Amino acid sequence: MSESQQKMILDILLTGQRITVLQLSTKPVYSMYGGKRISELKEKGIDVKDHWVDAENGKRYKEYFLQKAEIKRLKRGKNGKSKKRVA
């Protein structure tokens, strides 16, 4: 299950969306371990960034995202395109 949840999370991040662990616990991912799934993506070499957000009620939560350069790098890898090699 964790592999499919990782893929769903990565697919969301590749669209440029920012997500929170609370959002990951609902449709379409339904993961009660969103933070763990994000950590697993990082362990695989995906440069998932995060920052703290201050909510209006005074609480804080982390928001996860991919920078544009990382999205391009990952999409380039998915399409099988690679950089030119110099002989």
PDB file of N, CA and C in Angstrom:
ATOM      1  N   MET A   1       0.808  -1.193   0.000  1.00  0.00           N
ATOM      2  CA  MET A   1       0.000   0.000   0.000  1.00  0.00           C
ATOM      3  C   MET A   1       0.857   1.266   0.000  1.00  0.00           C
ATOM      4  N   SER A   2       1.989   1.232   0.702  1.00  0.00           N
ATOM      5  CA  SER A   2       2.802   2.439   0.799  1.00  0.00           C
ATOM      6  C   SER A   2       3.346   2.868  -0.566  1.00  0.00           C
ATOM      7  N   GLU A   3       3.699   1.899  -1.425  1.00  0.00           N
ATOM      8  CA  GLU A   3       4.201   2.237  -2.756  1.00  0.00           C
ATOM      9  C   GLU A   3       3.143   2.962  -3.565  1.00  0.00           C
ATOM     10  N   SER A   4       1.892   2.494  -3.518  1.00  0.00           N
ATOM     11  CA  SER A   4       0.833   3.152  -4.282  1.00  0.00           C
ATOM     12  C   SER A   4       0.513   4.524  -3.694  1.00  0.00           C
ATOM     13  N   GLN A   5       0.601   4.644  -2.358  1.00  0.00           N
ATOM     14  CA  GLN A   5       0.377   5.951  -1.737  1.00  0.00           C
ATOM     15  C   GLN A   5       1.503   6.911  -2.109  1.00  0.00           C
ATOM     16  N   GLN A   6       2.733   6.418  -2.159  1.00  0.00           N
ATOM     17  CA  GLN A   6       3.855   7.252  -2.575  1.00  0.00           C
ATOM     18  C   GLN A   6       3.634   7.761  -3.989  1.00  0.00           C
ATOM     19  N   LYS A   7       3.173   6.882  -4.873  1.00  0.00           N
ATOM     20  CA  LYS A   7       2.932   7.274  -6.257  1.00  0.00           C
ATOM     21  C   LYS A   7       1.830   8.327  -6.333  1.00  0.00           C
ATOM     22  N   MET A   8       0.752   8.132  -5.576  1.00  0.00           N
ATOM     23  CA  MET A   8      -0.332   9.118  -5.580  1.00  0.00           C
ATOM     24  C   MET A   8       0.157  10.475  -5.074  1.00  0.00           C
ATOM     25  N   ILE A   9       0.952  10.466  -4.013  1.00  0.00           N
ATOM     26  CA  ILE A   9       1.481  11.708  -3.456  1.00  0.00           C
ATOM     27  C   ILE A   9       2.410  12.375  -4.465  1.00  0.00           C
ATOM     28  N   LEU A  10       3.285  11.600  -5.072  1.00  0.00           N
ATOM     29  CA  LEU A  10       4.200  12.147  -6.064  1.00  0.00           C
ATOM     30  C   LEU A  10       3.430  12.731  -7.247  1.00  0.00           C
ATOM     31  N   ASP A  11       2.394  12.046  -7.693  1.00  0.00           N
ATOM     32  CA  ASP A  11       1.585  12.553  -8.805  1.00  0.00           C
ATOM     33  C   ASP A  11       0.963  13.906  -8.455  1.00  0.00           C
ATOM     34  N   ILE A  12       0.512  14.052  -7.214  1.00  0.00           N
ATOM     35  CA  ILE A  12      -0.058  15.328  -6.770  1.00  0.00           C
ATOM     36  C   ILE A  12       1.029  16.409  -6.761  1.00  0.00           C
ATOM     37  N   LEU A  13       2.186  16.080  -6.197  1.00  0.00           N
ATOM     38  CA  LEU A  13       3.279  17.055  -6.117  1.00  0.00           C
ATOM     39  C   LEU A  13       3.777  17.467  -7.504  1.00  0.00           C
ATOM     40  N   LEU A  14       3.758  16.538  -8.452  1.00  0.00           N
ATOM     41  CA  LEU A  14       4.224  16.840  -9.812  1.00  0.00           C
ATOM     42  C   LEU A  14       3.324  17.828 -10.539  1.00  0.00           C
ATOM     43  N   THR A  15       2.115  18.031 -10.048  1.00  0.00           N
ATOM     44  CA  THR A  15       1.222  19.025 -10.653  1.00  0.00           C
ATOM     45  C   THR A  15       1.528  20.428 -10.143  1.00  0.00           C
ATOM     46  N   GLY A  16       2.448  20.527  -9.160  1.00  0.00           N
ATOM     47  CA  GLY A  16       2.789  21.824  -8.594  1.00  0.00           C
ATOM     48  C   GLY A  16       1.968  22.185  -7.366  1.00  0.00           C
ATOM     49  N   GLN A  17       1.083  21.285  -6.955  1.00  0.00           N
ATOM     50  CA  GLN A  17       0.260  21.549  -5.781  1.00  0.00           C
ATOM     51  C   GLN A  17       1.085  21.423  -4.510  1.00  0.00           C
ATOM     52  N   ARG A  18       0.654  22.133  -3.487  1.00  0.00           N
ATOM     53  CA  ARG A  18       1.215  22.015  -2.142  1.00  0.00           C
ATOM     54  C   ARG A  18       0.238  21.194  -1.325  1.00  0.00           C
ATOM     55  N   ILE A  19       0.755  20.292  -0.491  1.00  0.00           N
ATOM     56  CA  ILE A  19      -0.123  19.412   0.269  1.00  0.00           C
ATOM     57  C   ILE A  19       0.313  19.353   1.731  1.00  0.00           C
ATOM     58  N   THR A  20      -0.637  19.000   2.572  1.00  0.00           N
ATOM     59  CA  THR A  20      -0.368  18.836   4.000  1.00  0.00           C
ATOM     60  C   THR A  20      -0.681  17.394   4.386  1.00  0.00           C
ATOM     61  N   VAL A  21      -0.218  16.996   5.562  1.00  0.00           N
ATOM     62  CA  VAL A  21      -0.509  15.651   6.050  1.00  0.00           C
ATOM     63  C   VAL A  21      -2.015  15.471   6.228  1.00  0.00           C
ATOM     64  N   LEU A  22      -2.696  16.514   6.670  1.00  0.00           N
ATOM     65  CA  LEU A  22      -4.155  16.434   6.817  1.00  0.00           C
ATOM     66  C   LEU A  22      -4.818  16.159   5.467  1.00  0.00           C
ATOM     67  N   GLN A  23      -4.375  16.836   4.426  1.00  0.00           N
ATOM     68  CA  GLN A  23      -4.934  16.596   3.091  1.00  0.00           C
ATOM     69  C   GLN A  23      -4.648  15.173   2.612  1.00  0.00           C
ATOM     70  N   LEU A  24      -3.488  14.635   2.986  1.00  0.00           N
ATOM     71  CA  LEU A  24      -3.142  13.278   2.572  1.00  0.00           C
ATOM     72  C   LEU A  24      -4.013  12.222   3.257  1.00  0.00           C
ATOM     73  N   SER A  25      -4.639  12.595   4.367  1.00  0.00           N
ATOM     74  CA  SER A  25      -5.487  11.635   5.076  1.00  0.00           C
ATOM     75  C   SER A  25      -6.879  11.531   4.460  1.00  0.00           C
ATOM     76  N   THR A  26      -7.152  12.355   3.457  1.00  0.00           N
ATOM     77  CA  THR A  26      -8.461  12.330   2.791  1.00  0.00           C
ATOM     78  C   THR A  26      -8.287  11.889   1.339  1.00  0.00           C
ATOM     79  N   LYS A  27      -9.349  11.996   0.575  1.00  0.00           N
ATOM     80  CA  LYS A  27      -9.306  11.596  -0.833  1.00  0.00           C
ATOM     81  C   LYS A  27      -8.203  12.316  -1.558  1.00  0.00           C
ATOM     82  N   PRO A  28      -7.542  11.754  -2.518  1.00  0.00           N
ATOM     83  CA  PRO A  28      -7.634  10.371  -2.970  1.00  0.00           C
ATOM     84  C   PRO A  28      -6.638   9.437  -2.284  1.00  0.00           C
ATOM     85  N   VAL A  29      -5.782   9.961  -1.413  1.00  0.00           N
ATOM     86  CA  VAL A  29      -4.690   9.159  -0.859  1.00  0.00           C
ATOM     87  C   VAL A  29      -5.123   8.298   0.322  1.00  0.00           C
ATOM     88  N   TYR A  30      -5.883   8.857   1.240  1.00  0.00           N
ATOM     89  CA  TYR A  30      -6.346   8.151   2.444  1.00  0.00           C
ATOM     90  C   TYR A  30      -5.200   7.540   3.246  1.00  0.00           C
ATOM     91  N   SER A  31      -4.154   8.305   3.492  1.00  0.00           N
ATOM     92  CA  SER A  31      -3.026   7.793   4.256  1.00  0.00           C
ATOM     93  C   SER A  31      -2.979   8.440   5.634  1.00  0.00           C
ATOM     94  N   MET A  32      -2.965   7.620   6.656  1.00  0.00           N
ATOM     95  CA  MET A  32      -2.801   8.127   8.012  1.00  0.00           C
ATOM     96  C   MET A  32      -1.315   8.295   8.328  1.00  0.00           C
ATOM     97  N   TYR A  33      -0.474   7.964   7.363  1.00  0.00           N
ATOM     98  CA  TYR A  33       0.976   8.053   7.527  1.00  0.00           C
ATOM     99  C   TYR A  33       1.585   8.955   6.458  1.00  0.00           C
ATOM    100  N   GLY A  34       0.936  10.069   6.194  1.00  0.00           N
ATOM    101  CA  GLY A  34       1.395  10.980   5.142  1.00  0.00           C
ATOM    102  C   GLY A  34       2.818  11.456   5.353  1.00  0.00           C
ATOM    103  N   GLY A  35       3.163  11.782   6.592  1.00  0.00           N
ATOM    104  CA  GLY A  35       4.531  12.217   6.893  1.00  0.00           C
ATOM    105  C   GLY A  35       5.551  11.144   6.582  1.00  0.00           C
ATOM    106  N   LYS A  36       5.210   9.911   6.888  1.00  0.00           N
ATOM    107  CA  LYS A  36       6.097   8.770   6.593  1.00  0.00           C
ATOM    108  C   LYS A  36       6.251   8.590   5.089  1.00  0.00           C
ATOM    109  N   ARG A  37       5.145   8.701   4.346  1.00  0.00           N
ATOM    110  CA  ARG A  37       5.219   8.554   2.888  1.00  0.00           C
ATOM    111  C   ARG A  37       6.091   9.649   2.268  1.00  0.00           C
ATOM    112  N   ILE A  38       5.997  10.872   2.798  1.00  0.00           N
ATOM    113  CA  ILE A  38       6.848  11.967   2.320  1.00  0.00           C
ATOM    114  C   ILE A  38       8.315  11.640   2.606  1.00  0.00           C
ATOM    115  N   SER A  39       8.603  11.133   3.799  1.00  0.00           N
ATOM    116  CA  SER A  39       9.971  10.748   4.163  1.00  0.00           C
ATOM    117  C   SER A  39      10.502   9.669   3.231  1.00  0.00           C
ATOM    118  N   GLU A  40       9.649   8.720   2.880  1.00  0.00           N
ATOM    119  CA  GLU A  40      10.065   7.644   1.958  1.00  0.00           C
ATOM    120  C   GLU A  40      10.398   8.205   0.581  1.00  0.00           C
ATOM    121  N   LEU A  41       9.639   9.188   0.121  1.00  0.00           N
ATOM    122  CA  LEU A  41       9.945   9.820  -1.165  1.00  0.00           C
ATOM    123  C   LEU A  41      11.300  10.519  -1.085  1.00  0.00           C
ATOM    124  N   LYS A  42      11.561  11.204   0.026  1.00  0.00           N
ATOM    125  CA  LYS A  42      12.855  11.867   0.203  1.00  0.00           C
ATOM    126  C   LYS A  42      13.993  10.851   0.199  1.00  0.00           C
ATOM    127  N   GLU A  43      13.780   9.701   0.840  1.00  0.00           N
ATOM    128  CA  GLU A  43      14.799   8.647   0.873  1.00  0.00           C
ATOM    129  C   GLU A  43      15.095   8.110  -0.521  1.00  0.00           C
ATOM    130  N   LYS A  44      14.125   8.197  -1.415  1.00  0.00           N
ATOM    131  CA  LYS A  44      14.306   7.745  -2.797  1.00  0.00           C
ATOM    132  C   LYS A  44      14.996   8.798  -3.658  1.00  0.00           C
ATOM    133  N   GLY A  45      15.349   9.936  -3.046  1.00  0.00           N
ATOM    134  CA  GLY A  45      16.074  10.965  -3.786  1.00  0.00           C
ATOM    135  C   GLY A  45      15.197  12.058  -4.363  1.00  0.00           C
ATOM    136  N   ILE A  46      13.937  12.083  -4.015  1.00  0.00           N
ATOM    137  CA  ILE A  46      13.039  13.130  -4.492  1.00  0.00           C
ATOM    138  C   ILE A  46      13.143  14.298  -3.521  1.00  0.00           C
ATOM    139  N   ASP A  47      13.435  15.473  -4.051  1.00  0.00           N
ATOM    140  CA  ASP A  47      13.717  16.642  -3.224  1.00  0.00           C
ATOM    141  C   ASP A  47      12.419  17.351  -2.828  1.00  0.00           C
ATOM    142  N   VAL A  48      11.673  16.731  -1.915  1.00  0.00           N
ATOM    143  CA  VAL A  48      10.425  17.314  -1.425  1.00  0.00           C
ATOM    144  C   VAL A  48      10.781  18.399  -0.417  1.00  0.00           C
ATOM    145  N   LYS A  49      10.308  19.588  -0.664  1.00  0.00           N
ATOM    146  CA  LYS A  49      10.554  20.724   0.232  1.00  0.00           C
ATOM    147  C   LYS A  49       9.349  20.880   1.159  1.00  0.00           C
ATOM    148  N   ASP A  50       9.571  21.572   2.263  1.00  0.00           N
ATOM    149  CA  ASP A  50       8.461  21.860   3.168  1.00  0.00           C
ATOM    150  C   ASP A  50       8.696  23.192   3.846  1.00  0.00           C
ATOM    151  N   HIS A  51       7.628  23.753   4.344  1.00  0.00           N
ATOM    152  CA  HIS A  51       7.737  24.948   5.170  1.00  0.00           C
ATOM    153  C   HIS A  51       6.549  24.989   6.126  1.00  0.00           C
ATOM    154  N   TRP A  52       6.744  25.707   7.216  1.00  0.00           N
ATOM    155  CA  TRP A  52       5.700  25.825   8.225  1.00  0.00           C
ATOM    156  C   TRP A  52       4.717  26.915   7.820  1.00  0.00           C
ATOM    157  N   VAL A  53       3.438  26.641   8.052  1.00  0.00           N
ATOM    158  CA  VAL A  53       2.368  27.601   7.791  1.00  0.00           C
ATOM    159  C   VAL A  53       1.697  27.906   9.125  1.00  0.00           C
ATOM    160  N   ASP A  54       1.475  29.187   9.398  1.00  0.00           N
ATOM    161  CA  ASP A  54       0.765  29.597  10.612  1.00  0.00           C
ATOM    162  C   ASP A  54      -0.718  29.716  10.295  1.00  0.00           C
ATOM    163  N   ALA A  55      -1.522  28.906  10.953  1.00  0.00           N
ATOM    164  CA  ALA A  55      -2.967  28.934  10.745  1.00  0.00           C
ATOM    165  C   ALA A  55      -3.577  30.091  11.535  1.00  0.00           C
ATOM    166  N   GLU A  56      -4.777  30.476  11.154  1.00  0.00           N
ATOM    167  CA  GLU A  56      -5.471  31.575  11.830  1.00  0.00           C
ATOM    168  C   GLU A  56      -5.753  31.268  13.293  1.00  0.00           C
ATOM    169  N   ASN A  57      -5.880  29.993  13.640  1.00  0.00           N
ATOM    170  CA  ASN A  57      -6.183  29.607  15.021  1.00  0.00           C
ATOM    171  C   ASN A  57      -4.934  29.550  15.902  1.00  0.00           C
ATOM    172  N   GLY A  58      -3.785  29.958  15.346  1.00  0.00           N
ATOM    173  CA  GLY A  58      -2.549  29.986  16.114  1.00  0.00           C
ATOM    174  C   GLY A  58      -1.719  28.720  16.008  1.00  0.00           C
ATOM    175  N   LYS A  59      -2.254  27.686  15.389  1.00  0.00           N
ATOM    176  CA  LYS A  59      -1.497  26.437  15.228  1.00  0.00           C
ATOM    177  C   LYS A  59      -0.636  26.513  13.976  1.00  0.00           C
ATOM    178  N   ARG A  60       0.320  25.597  13.901  1.00  0.00           N
ATOM    179  CA  ARG A  60       1.221  25.538  12.754  1.00  0.00           C
ATOM    180  C   ARG A  60       1.161  24.152  12.129  1.00  0.00           C
ATOM    181  N   TYR A  61       1.384  24.109  10.833  1.00  0.00           N
ATOM    182  CA  TYR A  61       1.447  22.827  10.135  1.00  0.00           C
ATOM    183  C   TYR A  61       2.421  22.953   8.970  1.00  0.00           C
ATOM    184  N   LYS A  62       2.918  21.809   8.526  1.00  0.00           N
ATOM    185  CA  LYS A  62       3.855  21.797   7.404  1.00  0.00           C
ATOM    186  C   LYS A  62       3.106  21.610   6.093  1.00  0.00           C
ATOM    187  N   GLU A  63       3.613  22.289   5.093  1.00  0.00           N
ATOM    188  CA  GLU A  63       3.092  22.164   3.737  1.00  0.00           C
ATOM    189  C   GLU A  63       4.238  21.632   2.887  1.00  0.00           C
ATOM    190  N   TYR A  64       3.968  20.626   2.086  1.00  0.00           N
ATOM    191  CA  TYR A  64       4.996  19.967   1.275  1.00  0.00           C
ATOM    192  C   TYR A  64       4.811  20.326  -0.196  1.00  0.00           C
ATOM    193  N   PHE A  65       5.933  20.449  -0.915  1.00  0.00           N
ATOM    194  CA  PHE A  65       5.867  20.834  -2.326  1.00  0.00           C
ATOM    195  C   PHE A  65       7.160  20.455  -3.034  1.00  0.00           C
ATOM    196  N   LEU A  66       7.114  20.510  -4.358  1.00  0.00           N
ATOM    197  CA  LEU A  66       8.302  20.336  -5.190  1.00  0.00           C
ATOM    198  C   LEU A  66       8.591  21.660  -5.878  1.00  0.00           C
ATOM    199  N   GLN A  67       9.858  22.033  -5.938  1.00  0.00           N
ATOM    200  CA  GLN A  67      10.217  23.231  -6.676  1.00  0.00           C
ATOM    201  C   GLN A  67      10.137  22.927  -8.169  1.00  0.00           C
ATOM    202  N   LYS A  68       9.989  23.978  -8.976  1.00  0.00           N
ATOM    203  CA  LYS A  68       9.807  23.804 -10.426  1.00  0.00           C
ATOM    204  C   LYS A  68      10.939  23.005 -11.060  1.00  0.00           C
ATOM    205  N   ALA A  69      12.169  23.257 -10.631  1.00  0.00           N
ATOM    206  CA  ALA A  69      13.312  22.532 -11.210  1.00  0.00           C
ATOM    207  C   ALA A  69      13.215  21.033 -10.911  1.00  0.00           C
ATOM    208  N   GLU A  70      12.756  20.685  -9.719  1.00  0.00           N
ATOM    209  CA  GLU A  70      12.617  19.265  -9.354  1.00  0.00           C
ATOM    210  C   GLU A  70      11.491  18.624 -10.152  1.00  0.00           C
ATOM    211  N   ILE A  71      10.413  19.357 -10.372  1.00  0.00           N
ATOM    212  CA  ILE A  71       9.306  18.836 -11.192  1.00  0.00           C
ATOM    213  C   ILE A  71       9.806  18.545 -12.602  1.00  0.00           C
ATOM    214  N   LYS A  72      10.551  19.474 -13.173  1.00  0.00           N
ATOM    215  CA  LYS A  72      11.094  19.280 -14.522  1.00  0.00           C
ATOM    216  C   LYS A  72      12.029  18.074 -14.567  1.00  0.00           C
ATOM    217  N   ARG A  73      12.894  17.959 -13.552  1.00  0.00           N
ATOM    218  CA  ARG A  73      13.847  16.839 -13.503  1.00  0.00           C
ATOM    219  C   ARG A  73      13.122  15.508 -13.454  1.00  0.00           C
ATOM    220  N   LEU A  74      12.098  15.428 -12.608  1.00  0.00           N
ATOM    221  CA  LEU A  74      11.369  14.173 -12.461  1.00  0.00           C
ATOM    222  C   LEU A  74      10.548  13.844 -13.700  1.00  0.00           C
ATOM    223  N   LYS A  75       9.939  14.850 -14.294  1.00  0.00           N
ATOM    224  CA  LYS A  75       9.155  14.603 -15.508  1.00  0.00           C
ATOM    225  C   LYS A  75      10.061  14.201 -16.661  1.00  0.00           C
ATOM    226  N   ARG A  76      11.230  14.788 -16.732  1.00  0.00           N
ATOM    227  CA  ARG A  76      12.189  14.427 -17.779  1.00  0.00           C
ATOM    228  C   ARG A  76      12.583  12.963 -17.619  1.00  0.00           C
ATOM    229  N   GLY A  77      12.766  12.524 -16.377  1.00  0.00           N
ATOM    230  CA  GLY A  77      13.115  11.136 -16.104  1.00  0.00           C
ATOM    231  C   GLY A  77      11.986  10.182 -16.429  1.00  0.00           C
ATOM    232  N   LYS A  78      10.740  10.605 -16.180  1.00  0.00           N
ATOM    233  CA  LYS A  78       9.580   9.757 -16.472  1.00  0.00           C
ATOM    234  C   LYS A  78       9.416   9.537 -17.965  1.00  0.00           C
ATOM    235  N   ASN A  79       9.739  10.577 -18.758  1.00  0.00           N
ATOM    236  CA  ASN A  79       9.561  10.479 -20.199  1.00  0.00           C
ATOM    237  C   ASN A  79      10.705   9.761 -20.903  1.00  0.00           C
ATOM    238  N   GLY A  80      11.710   9.370 -20.117  1.00  0.00           N
ATOM    239  CA  GLY A  80      12.830   8.655 -20.696  1.00  0.00           C
ATOM    240  C   GLY A  80      13.842   9.529 -21.394  1.00  0.00           C
ATOM    241  N   LYS A  81      13.663  10.837 -21.340  1.00  0.00           N
ATOM    242  CA  LYS A  81      14.623  11.746 -21.964  1.00  0.00           C
ATOM    243  C   LYS A  81      15.800  11.911 -21.028  1.00  0.00           C
ATOM    244  N   SER A  82      16.950  12.002 -21.591  1.00  0.00           N
ATOM    245  CA  SER A  82      18.136  12.221 -20.774  1.00  0.00           C
ATOM    246  C   SER A  82      18.973  13.325 -21.380  1.00  0.00           C
ATOM    247  N   LYS A  83      19.908  13.817 -20.606  1.00  0.00           N
ATOM    248  CA  LYS A  83      20.791  14.862 -21.101  1.00  0.00           C
ATOM    249  C   LYS A  83      21.740  14.281 -22.139  1.00  0.00           C
ATOM    250  N   LYS A  84      22.176  15.128 -23.054  1.00  0.00           N
ATOM    251  CA  LYS A  84      23.130  14.672 -24.061  1.00  0.00           C
ATOM    252  C   LYS A  84      24.444  14.296 -23.409  1.00  0.00           C
ATOM    253  N   ARG A  85      24.993  13.203 -23.865  1.00  0.00           N
ATOM    254  CA  ARG A  85      26.291  12.777 -23.355  1.00  0.00           C
ATOM    255  C   ARG A  85      27.365  13.263 -24.286  1.00  0.00           C
ATOM    256  N   VAL A  86      28.441  13.725 -23.709  1.00  0.00           N
ATOM    257  CA  VAL A  86      29.579  14.198 -24.501  1.00  0.00           C
ATOM    258  C   VAL A  86      30.605  13.081 -24.528  1.00  0.00           C
ATOM    259  N   ALA A  87      31.033  12.725 -25.747  1.00  0.00           N
ATOM    260  CA  ALA A  87      32.003  11.635 -25.888  1.00  0.00           C
ATOM    261  C   ALA A  87      33.418  12.097 -25.706  1.00  0.00           C
TER     262      ALA A  87
END
